[in-house]
């Protein structure tokens, strides 16, 4: 199943609740929430209080991407705030397997992210331990970047690894995805599409519907 996850990092923060309701009403299945600490990535975004406040705006899946050092410290609080999927970076976890177990113990789905320059083979030992794998298609920390082409080769390799292992975990891509290249990401093997600027710049409802139209055409082809 193909899933659109608009990233609220690109939303108008002065109208955040309304922006979330808009993409929800337009059909987006997930809401992607980038949590940045200013250490693992240069930027600082928002944390549990914001997530908790906007949780009441929608019943869509909250897909929380933790771009923070030692994310294990916050997993319980993220779940309590309303996270449905909690994604930690392999590069930020000293004990990745333990972090994934910790996520699952909260009742949330567990996900692992890796940066563009991290080999996809890093995930080989946890292929069966995560519900979703996020392959960053830009270097994390800032919105509005261009997709790094070689990252789609990593998507292909990861999908092949999962298929060979008989696993059907989701593959999410995040960074530089727009209506002009979303088909390339899907054809490479991704099924969860994060889009920030390309959804929230201009008309978020119309942009969401355009993404979903393309994705439905691909699924029905």
Protein backbone atom coordinates (compact mmCIF):
# COMPACT_ATOMS: atom_id res chain seq x y z
CA UNK A 1 0.00 0.00 0.00
CA UNK A 2 1.27 3.46 -0.92
CA UNK A 3 1.09 6.04 1.86
CA UNK A 4 1.58 9.82 1.80
CA UNK A 5 3.11 11.37 4.92
CA UNK A 6 3.14 15.19 4.71
CA UNK A 7 5.94 16.62 6.83
CA UNK A 8 4.69 19.41 9.05
CA UNK A 9 8.20 20.83 9.28
CA UNK A 10 7.21 22.71 6.10
CA UNK A 11 3.80 23.80 7.40
CA UNK A 12 2.87 27.30 8.52
CA UNK A 13 3.54 27.04 12.26
CA UNK A 14 1.19 29.94 12.99
CA UNK A 15 -1.67 27.76 11.65
CA UNK A 16 -0.29 24.31 12.42
CA UNK A 17 -3.55 22.74 13.53
CA UNK A 18 -5.38 24.02 10.45
CA UNK A 19 -2.59 22.83 8.16
CA UNK A 20 -2.81 19.33 9.64
CA UNK A 21 -6.60 19.28 9.29
CA UNK A 22 -6.26 20.38 5.66
CA UNK A 23 -3.99 17.53 4.57
CA UNK A 24 -6.04 15.09 6.65
CA UNK A 25 -9.24 16.13 4.86
CA UNK A 26 -7.44 15.86 1.50
CA UNK A 27 -6.63 12.20 2.22
CA UNK A 28 -3.08 12.03 3.57
CA UNK A 29 -2.74 8.82 5.59
CA UNK A 30 0.17 9.80 7.88
CA UNK A 31 1.38 13.03 9.47
CA UNK A 32 5.19 13.09 9.49
CA UNK A 33 6.70 14.90 12.48
CA UNK A 34 10.42 15.76 12.45
CA UNK A 35 11.87 16.12 15.94
CA UNK A 36 15.30 17.84 15.83
CA UNK A 37 17.58 18.54 18.77
CA UNK A 38 20.26 20.83 17.34
CA UNK A 39 22.90 18.17 18.05
CA UNK A 40 22.26 15.19 15.78
CA UNK A 41 21.21 17.72 13.13
CA UNK A 42 21.92 21.48 13.08
CA UNK A 43 18.31 22.58 13.41
CA UNK A 44 15.87 22.57 16.33
CA UNK A 45 12.22 21.95 15.59
CA UNK A 46 9.66 20.86 18.19
CA UNK A 47 9.07 18.15 20.73
CA UNK A 48 6.51 16.47 22.93
CA UNK A 49 4.40 19.53 23.95
CA UNK A 50 3.69 20.41 20.31
CA UNK A 51 2.94 16.80 19.37
CA UNK A 52 0.58 16.49 22.32
CA UNK A 53 -1.28 19.68 21.39
CA UNK A 54 -1.78 18.79 17.71
CA UNK A 55 -2.74 15.18 18.47
CA UNK A 56 -6.31 16.39 18.92
CA UNK A 57 -6.41 17.83 15.39
CA UNK A 58 -6.51 14.48 13.60
CA UNK A 59 -6.75 10.75 14.06
CA UNK A 60 -4.24 10.09 11.26
CA UNK A 61 -1.09 8.10 12.05
CA UNK A 62 1.58 10.24 13.71
CA UNK A 63 4.89 9.19 12.15
CA UNK A 64 7.52 10.69 14.46
CA UNK A 65 11.06 10.92 13.06
CA UNK A 66 13.53 11.47 15.91
CA UNK A 67 16.62 13.26 14.63
CA UNK A 68 18.14 13.42 18.11
CA UNK A 69 21.11 12.07 19.98
CA UNK A 70 20.39 9.11 22.28
CA UNK A 71 16.70 8.96 21.30
CA UNK A 72 16.08 6.18 23.84
CA UNK A 73 15.69 8.94 26.45
CA UNK A 74 12.49 10.19 24.84
CA UNK A 75 10.73 7.12 23.44
CA UNK A 76 8.24 6.75 26.28
CA UNK A 77 7.42 10.46 26.27
CA UNK A 78 6.95 10.47 22.49
CA UNK A 79 4.48 7.62 22.72
CA UNK A 80 2.63 9.35 25.55
CA UNK A 81 2.44 12.54 23.48
CA UNK A 82 0.70 10.67 20.67
CA UNK A 83 3.28 9.02 18.41
CA UNK A 84 2.02 5.94 16.54
CA UNK A 85 5.30 5.22 14.75
CA UNK A 86 8.60 6.12 16.40
CA UNK A 87 11.63 6.24 14.13
CA UNK A 88 15.17 6.40 15.50
CA UNK A 89 18.39 6.87 13.57
CA UNK A 90 20.79 3.95 13.50
CA UNK A 91 23.62 6.49 13.70
CA UNK A 92 22.23 7.94 16.96
CA UNK A 93 21.66 4.69 18.86
CA UNK A 94 24.46 2.96 20.75
CA UNK A 95 22.24 -0.13 21.10
CA UNK A 96 19.83 -0.08 18.17
CA UNK A 97 18.22 -3.44 18.90
CA UNK A 98 17.44 -2.33 22.45
CA UNK A 99 15.92 0.93 21.19
CA UNK A 100 13.62 -0.93 18.81
CA UNK A 101 12.50 -3.24 21.60
CA UNK A 102 11.86 -0.21 23.78
CA UNK A 103 9.63 1.31 21.10
CA UNK A 104 7.63 -1.86 20.65
CA UNK A 105 7.14 -2.16 24.41
CA UNK A 106 5.27 1.17 24.35
CA UNK A 107 2.83 -0.21 21.78
CA UNK A 108 4.12 2.01 18.97
CA UNK A 109 5.44 0.71 15.67
CA UNK A 110 9.24 0.72 15.46
CA UNK A 111 11.18 2.30 12.61
CA UNK A 112 14.84 2.86 11.80
CA UNK A 113 16.30 5.69 9.71
CA UNK A 114 19.68 5.99 8.05
CA UNK A 115 21.39 8.98 6.47
CA UNK A 116 22.38 9.08 2.78
CA UNK A 117 26.03 8.11 3.36
CA UNK A 118 25.21 5.23 5.75
CA UNK A 119 25.36 1.88 3.91
CA UNK A 120 22.03 0.10 3.69
CA UNK A 121 23.79 -3.07 4.85
CA UNK A 122 23.90 -1.46 8.30
CA UNK A 123 20.29 -2.57 8.63
CA UNK A 124 20.95 -6.24 7.88
CA UNK A 125 20.87 -7.37 11.52
CA UNK A 126 17.58 -5.61 12.31
CA UNK A 127 15.59 -6.40 9.17
CA UNK A 128 13.12 -8.43 11.19
CA UNK A 129 13.02 -6.04 14.14
CA UNK A 130 11.41 -2.97 12.56
CA UNK A 131 8.03 -2.25 11.01
CA UNK A 132 9.47 0.45 8.76
CA UNK A 133 12.81 1.64 7.44
CA UNK A 134 13.35 5.31 6.57
CA UNK A 135 16.01 6.00 3.98
CA UNK A 136 16.88 9.68 3.98
CA UNK A 137 17.09 10.97 0.43
CA UNK A 138 18.73 14.22 1.61
CA UNK A 139 21.06 14.96 4.50
CA UNK A 140 18.71 15.61 7.42
CA UNK A 141 18.23 18.88 9.20
CA UNK A 142 16.70 21.23 6.65
CA UNK A 143 13.66 21.22 4.39
CA UNK A 144 13.57 22.16 0.72
CA UNK A 145 16.65 20.19 -0.38
CA UNK A 146 17.07 18.30 -3.67
CA UNK A 147 16.91 14.52 -3.65
CA UNK A 148 20.33 12.83 -3.77
CA UNK A 149 20.09 10.44 -6.75
CA UNK A 150 22.14 7.55 -5.33
CA UNK A 151 19.74 7.21 -2.41
CA UNK A 152 17.20 5.55 -4.70
CA UNK A 153 19.76 2.81 -5.39
CA UNK A 154 19.77 2.23 -1.63
CA UNK A 155 15.99 1.87 -1.71
CA UNK A 156 16.34 -0.81 -4.39
CA UNK A 157 18.97 -2.66 -2.39
CA UNK A 158 16.93 -2.56 0.81
CA UNK A 159 13.78 -3.79 -0.94
CA UNK A 160 15.83 -6.65 -2.41
CA UNK A 161 17.22 -7.47 1.05
CA UNK A 162 13.72 -7.57 2.53
CA UNK A 163 12.39 -9.70 -0.31
CA UNK A 164 15.27 -12.15 0.03
CA UNK A 165 14.54 -12.44 3.76
CA UNK A 166 10.83 -12.95 3.11
CA UNK A 167 9.92 -9.72 4.91
CA UNK A 168 7.43 -7.04 3.90
CA UNK A 169 8.39 -4.04 6.03
CA UNK A 170 7.57 -0.56 4.80
CA UNK A 171 10.27 1.56 3.19
CA UNK A 172 9.88 5.29 3.71
CA UNK A 173 11.76 8.00 1.81
CA UNK A 174 12.21 11.55 3.04
CA UNK A 175 13.77 14.53 1.31
CA UNK A 176 13.35 16.23 -2.02
CA UNK A 177 10.29 14.22 -3.04
CA UNK A 178 7.82 16.01 -5.30
CA UNK A 179 5.23 15.11 -7.89
CA UNK A 180 7.93 15.08 -10.58
CA UNK A 181 10.00 12.31 -8.95
CA UNK A 182 7.64 10.43 -6.63
CA UNK A 183 7.18 7.70 -9.25
CA UNK A 184 10.94 7.11 -9.26
CA UNK A 185 10.90 6.56 -5.49
CA UNK A 186 7.95 4.16 -5.74
CA UNK A 187 9.51 2.22 -8.59
CA UNK A 188 12.69 1.86 -6.53
CA UNK A 189 10.67 0.14 -3.80
CA UNK A 190 9.47 2.85 -1.41
CA UNK A 191 5.85 2.75 -0.29
CA UNK A 192 5.72 5.53 2.35
CA UNK A 193 6.39 8.95 0.86
CA UNK A 194 7.33 11.93 3.00
CA UNK A 195 6.77 15.30 1.34
CA UNK A 196 7.15 18.64 3.06
CA UNK A 197 7.70 21.70 0.90
CA UNK A 198 6.01 20.08 -2.09
CA UNK A 199 2.84 19.62 -0.02
CA UNK A 200 2.68 22.74 2.12
CA UNK A 201 4.01 25.35 -0.33
CA UNK A 202 1.05 26.86 -2.14
CA UNK A 203 -2.21 24.93 -1.74
CA UNK A 204 -1.68 22.01 0.68
CA UNK A 205 -5.03 20.39 -0.13
CA UNK A 206 -4.50 20.49 -3.89
CA UNK A 207 -0.89 19.33 -3.54
CA UNK A 208 -1.94 16.43 -1.32
CA UNK A 209 -4.61 15.37 -3.82
CA UNK A 210 -2.10 15.53 -6.67
CA UNK A 211 0.31 13.25 -4.82
CA UNK A 212 -2.48 10.81 -4.01
CA UNK A 213 -3.69 10.84 -7.62
CA UNK A 214 -0.22 9.91 -8.88
CA UNK A 215 0.12 7.20 -6.25
CA UNK A 216 -3.31 5.76 -7.04
CA UNK A 217 -2.50 5.72 -10.76
CA UNK A 218 0.67 3.81 -10.01
CA UNK A 219 -1.13 1.27 -7.81
CA UNK A 220 -3.90 0.75 -10.38
CA UNK A 221 -1.61 0.50 -13.42
